[in-house]
Each structure stands twice: as C-alpha cells, then as structure tokens.
Protein backbone atom coordinates (compact mmCIF):
# COMPACT_ATOMS: atom_id res chain seq x y z
CA MET A 1 -11.60 -157.16 -180.98
CA LYS A 2 -8.86 -156.10 -178.54
CA ILE A 3 -10.35 -152.62 -178.25
CA ILE A 4 -13.77 -154.08 -177.36
CA MET A 5 -12.17 -156.27 -174.69
CA LYS A 6 -10.33 -153.26 -173.22
CA ILE A 7 -13.54 -151.21 -173.12
CA PHE A 8 -15.34 -154.11 -171.43
CA LEU A 9 -12.61 -154.44 -168.80
CA VAL A 10 -12.62 -150.70 -168.05
CA VAL A 11 -16.43 -150.62 -167.72
CA ALA A 12 -16.47 -153.78 -165.57
CA ALA A 13 -13.73 -152.42 -163.30
CA ALA A 14 -15.63 -149.14 -162.85
CA TYR A 15 -18.88 -150.98 -162.09
CA PHE A 16 -17.33 -153.25 -159.47
CA SER A 17 -15.45 -150.33 -157.94
CA VAL A 18 -18.70 -148.37 -157.45
CA SER A 19 -20.52 -151.48 -156.20
CA ALA A 20 -17.80 -152.16 -153.66
CA GLN A 21 -18.13 -148.61 -152.27
CA GLN A 22 -21.86 -148.90 -151.62
CA THR A 23 -22.53 -150.06 -148.09
CA THR A 24 -25.68 -151.56 -146.67
CA PHE A 25 -27.45 -150.10 -143.67
CA GLN A 26 -26.44 -152.25 -140.72
CA ASP A 27 -28.39 -151.77 -137.51
CA SER A 28 -28.41 -154.30 -134.70
CA LEU A 29 -31.53 -152.81 -133.08
CA LEU A 30 -33.62 -152.92 -136.26
CA ASP A 31 -32.38 -156.44 -137.01
CA HIS A 32 -34.47 -157.53 -134.00
CA ILE A 33 -37.72 -156.55 -135.72
CA ILE A 34 -37.15 -158.57 -138.90
CA GLY A 35 -39.85 -161.23 -139.29
CA LYS A 36 -43.57 -161.68 -138.69
CA TRP A 37 -45.31 -160.13 -135.71
CA VAL A 38 -48.75 -159.81 -134.16
CA LEU A 39 -49.59 -156.38 -132.77
CA HIS A 40 -52.10 -156.23 -129.88
CA GLY A 41 -53.28 -153.24 -127.93
CA THR A 42 -55.35 -150.10 -128.10
CA ILE A 43 -55.50 -147.40 -130.74
CA ALA A 44 -57.76 -144.44 -129.99
CA GLU A 45 -59.09 -146.39 -126.97
CA LYS A 46 -60.21 -149.35 -129.13
CA GLU A 47 -58.74 -152.84 -128.86
CA THR A 48 -57.09 -153.98 -132.07
CA THR A 49 -54.97 -156.73 -133.59
CA HIS A 50 -52.72 -156.25 -136.60
CA ASP A 51 -50.27 -158.43 -138.50
CA ILE A 52 -46.85 -156.99 -139.29
CA VAL A 53 -44.14 -158.21 -141.62
CA ALA A 54 -40.75 -156.51 -141.28
CA GLN A 55 -37.95 -156.91 -143.81
CA TRP A 56 -34.91 -155.15 -145.23
CA VAL A 57 -35.61 -153.70 -148.71
CA LEU A 58 -33.92 -151.71 -151.46
CA GLY A 59 -30.45 -153.15 -151.12
CA HIS A 60 -30.68 -153.39 -147.30
CA GLN A 61 -30.93 -149.58 -147.08
CA TYR A 62 -34.38 -149.43 -145.45
CA LEU A 63 -36.41 -151.44 -143.02
CA GLN A 64 -39.96 -151.91 -144.31
CA LEU A 65 -42.86 -152.63 -142.00
CA HIS A 66 -46.12 -153.73 -143.62
CA GLU A 67 -48.95 -153.49 -141.12
CA VAL A 68 -52.48 -154.78 -141.76
CA SER A 69 -55.34 -154.85 -139.25
CA ARG A 70 -57.32 -158.02 -138.77
CA GLU A 71 -60.46 -155.91 -138.33
CA LYS A 72 -62.40 -155.50 -141.58
CA ASN A 73 -64.61 -152.74 -142.95
CA THR A 74 -68.05 -153.27 -144.48
CA THR A 75 -66.52 -154.29 -147.83
CA GLY A 76 -64.27 -156.88 -146.20
CA GLU A 77 -61.05 -154.91 -146.55
CA ALA A 78 -58.64 -154.23 -143.70
CA MET A 79 -59.70 -151.30 -141.53
CA TYR A 80 -56.10 -150.14 -141.41
CA GLU A 81 -53.00 -150.72 -143.50
CA ALA A 82 -49.63 -149.01 -143.46
CA ILE A 83 -46.24 -149.32 -145.05
CA VAL A 84 -43.48 -147.80 -142.96
CA TYR A 85 -39.86 -147.25 -143.99
CA ILE A 86 -37.06 -146.64 -141.51
CA GLY A 87 -33.59 -145.64 -142.63
CA TRP A 88 -30.54 -143.83 -141.34
CA ASP A 89 -29.73 -140.22 -142.20
CA GLN A 90 -25.94 -140.12 -142.09
CA ASN A 91 -25.87 -136.30 -142.20
CA THR A 92 -28.01 -135.79 -139.09
CA LYS A 93 -27.03 -139.06 -137.37
CA GLN A 94 -30.70 -139.84 -136.87
CA TYR A 95 -33.19 -142.44 -137.94
CA ALA A 96 -35.72 -141.23 -140.50
CA CYS A 97 -39.17 -142.79 -140.70
CA LEU A 98 -41.69 -142.43 -143.54
CA TRP A 99 -45.16 -143.57 -142.46
CA LEU A 100 -47.69 -144.14 -145.25
CA ASP A 101 -51.16 -145.42 -144.42
CA ILE A 102 -54.73 -145.58 -145.67
CA THR A 103 -55.88 -142.66 -143.56
CA GLY A 104 -54.93 -140.47 -146.52
CA GLY A 105 -54.10 -136.85 -146.38
CA GLY A 106 -50.48 -135.84 -146.16
CA GLY A 107 -48.91 -139.22 -146.84
CA LEU A 108 -46.01 -137.75 -148.76
CA SER A 109 -45.85 -134.46 -146.93
CA ALA A 110 -43.29 -133.52 -144.31
CA GLN A 111 -45.68 -134.57 -141.54
CA ALA A 112 -45.33 -138.22 -142.61
CA ILE A 113 -41.58 -138.14 -141.92
CA GLY A 114 -40.32 -138.46 -138.37
CA HIS A 115 -36.82 -138.40 -136.94
CA ALA A 116 -35.30 -140.14 -133.93
CA GLU A 117 -31.95 -140.49 -132.28
CA LEU A 118 -30.83 -143.91 -131.13
CA SER A 119 -31.10 -144.25 -127.38
CA GLY A 120 -30.24 -147.77 -126.25
CA ASP A 121 -33.07 -150.06 -127.34
CA LYS A 122 -35.45 -147.18 -128.05
CA MET A 123 -36.24 -144.99 -131.04
CA ALA A 124 -38.47 -142.02 -130.22
CA PHE A 125 -39.70 -140.54 -133.51
CA LEU A 126 -41.12 -137.05 -133.65
CA PHE A 127 -43.45 -136.21 -136.52
CA LYS A 128 -44.14 -132.51 -137.08
CA GLY A 129 -47.35 -131.51 -138.83
CA THR A 130 -47.49 -128.61 -141.26
CA ASP A 131 -49.94 -127.01 -138.83
CA GLY A 132 -47.38 -127.14 -136.00
CA SER A 133 -48.85 -130.26 -134.41
CA LEU A 134 -46.49 -132.85 -132.94
CA PHE A 135 -46.90 -136.62 -132.86
CA HIS A 136 -44.59 -138.96 -130.95
CA THR A 137 -44.09 -142.59 -131.98
CA THR A 138 -41.70 -144.55 -129.77
CA PHE A 139 -40.44 -148.06 -130.53
CA VAL A 140 -38.91 -149.89 -127.55
CA TYR A 141 -37.30 -153.32 -127.83
CA ASP A 142 -37.30 -155.64 -124.79
CA LYS A 143 -34.42 -158.08 -125.35
CA GLY A 144 -35.37 -160.28 -122.41
CA SER A 145 -38.80 -161.17 -123.80
CA ASP A 146 -38.09 -160.44 -127.50
CA ILE A 147 -41.06 -158.08 -127.82
CA TRP A 148 -41.51 -154.55 -129.10
CA ILE A 149 -43.60 -151.89 -127.38
CA TRP A 150 -45.02 -149.08 -129.50
CA LEU A 151 -46.23 -145.92 -127.81
CA MET A 152 -47.99 -143.23 -129.83
CA ASP A 153 -48.96 -139.85 -128.45
CA SER A 154 -50.18 -136.55 -129.80
CA GLU A 155 -48.81 -133.43 -128.17
CA GLU A 156 -50.99 -130.46 -127.37
CA ASN A 157 -49.74 -127.43 -125.44
CA GLY A 158 -46.69 -129.39 -124.32
CA LYS A 159 -48.76 -132.25 -122.89
CA LEU A 160 -48.81 -135.76 -124.34
CA GLN A 161 -52.20 -137.32 -125.06
CA SER A 162 -52.18 -141.10 -125.38
CA PHE A 163 -53.17 -142.36 -128.82
CA ALA A 164 -51.90 -145.96 -128.93
CA ARG A 165 -50.39 -148.52 -126.58
CA LEU A 166 -49.26 -151.59 -128.50
CA LYS A 167 -47.17 -154.72 -128.03
CA LEU A 168 -45.64 -156.79 -130.82
CA THR A 169 -45.01 -160.49 -130.29
CA ARG A 170 -43.53 -162.91 -132.80
CA GLU A 171 -46.02 -164.83 -134.88
C-alpha cells in the first residue's frame, strides 16, 4: 500500500508541476472584444448586419469569434457564418489569426492564416493567398466609445481595394 501511495504522490506532483508551468494567453486588447456584438456595415458594397460572440477558448489560449449574418438564404440559413481564432505566436511575437467560413475553398490552407503585430489598439492582419494574392483585415478598438472597426481590403498591384467597412457595437 505504501508503494501505491508513493507512486500516486510522484504522479500528482508531476501533474501539478506541469499544470503550474502552463500559462494562459493574456491580452488586454483582445479582452475588450469579449462578449456579444452587432456588426453593421458594408461587405462587397452591400449593407449587412451580423451577430458576433467573442470568448476565450481552449484554456484561454485563443480568442474565438463566432460570426453569423442576420441575412438568410433561400433555405432560411445564414448567408454567412465564420469562426475565427486569434492567438499569439511567441516565436514571431505576432498575433496569428485562423479564419474559417462558409465560403469554402482553402479554409485550412495557409491563405486562411493571417499575422499581425500589435500596434496600440490596432491589429492589422495580412493573409497571403497561395496564388500570391494579399488580403488585409484590420481590427481597431476605440476605447472612448467601446466599439471595434473592421476594415477589409484586397491588394492588387500594390493598391488596396475596399472589401468591407464594418463597425461592432455591444449588443
């Protein structure tokens, strides 16, 4: 019985030692997006409204945004839905963003992963397509009004082409 107790104590000590070493991703900027939001604005020159729920997931290692449009298709389903994960890449000292949505295609390819450096209250993600295309998604937090602005632009021949201009307000 003593040997079983010793084994238990060694295993428990190792477990709690490893658990104590794991740190959660702490980010004061991303903490401001936690909660429920309403997104209003234009995407591809069309007015739209989406609902967004933002929460920390997977042991507080990633921020998850779940975005669903209020507009419906002919079968009554949302016209657009996305799940977005934002984390921190300690090696590159950059945010990493994985954007998965119902538009299909390269959801798990390299083009669905963007990177951004922290710059004040702004994260400017750059997504690089396998075909060399570039897509910019910038999140800007306005502390004074507690809103987020999202700007999305494609880049062609070094020139930005507006794709989306959006504002998030708390629900």
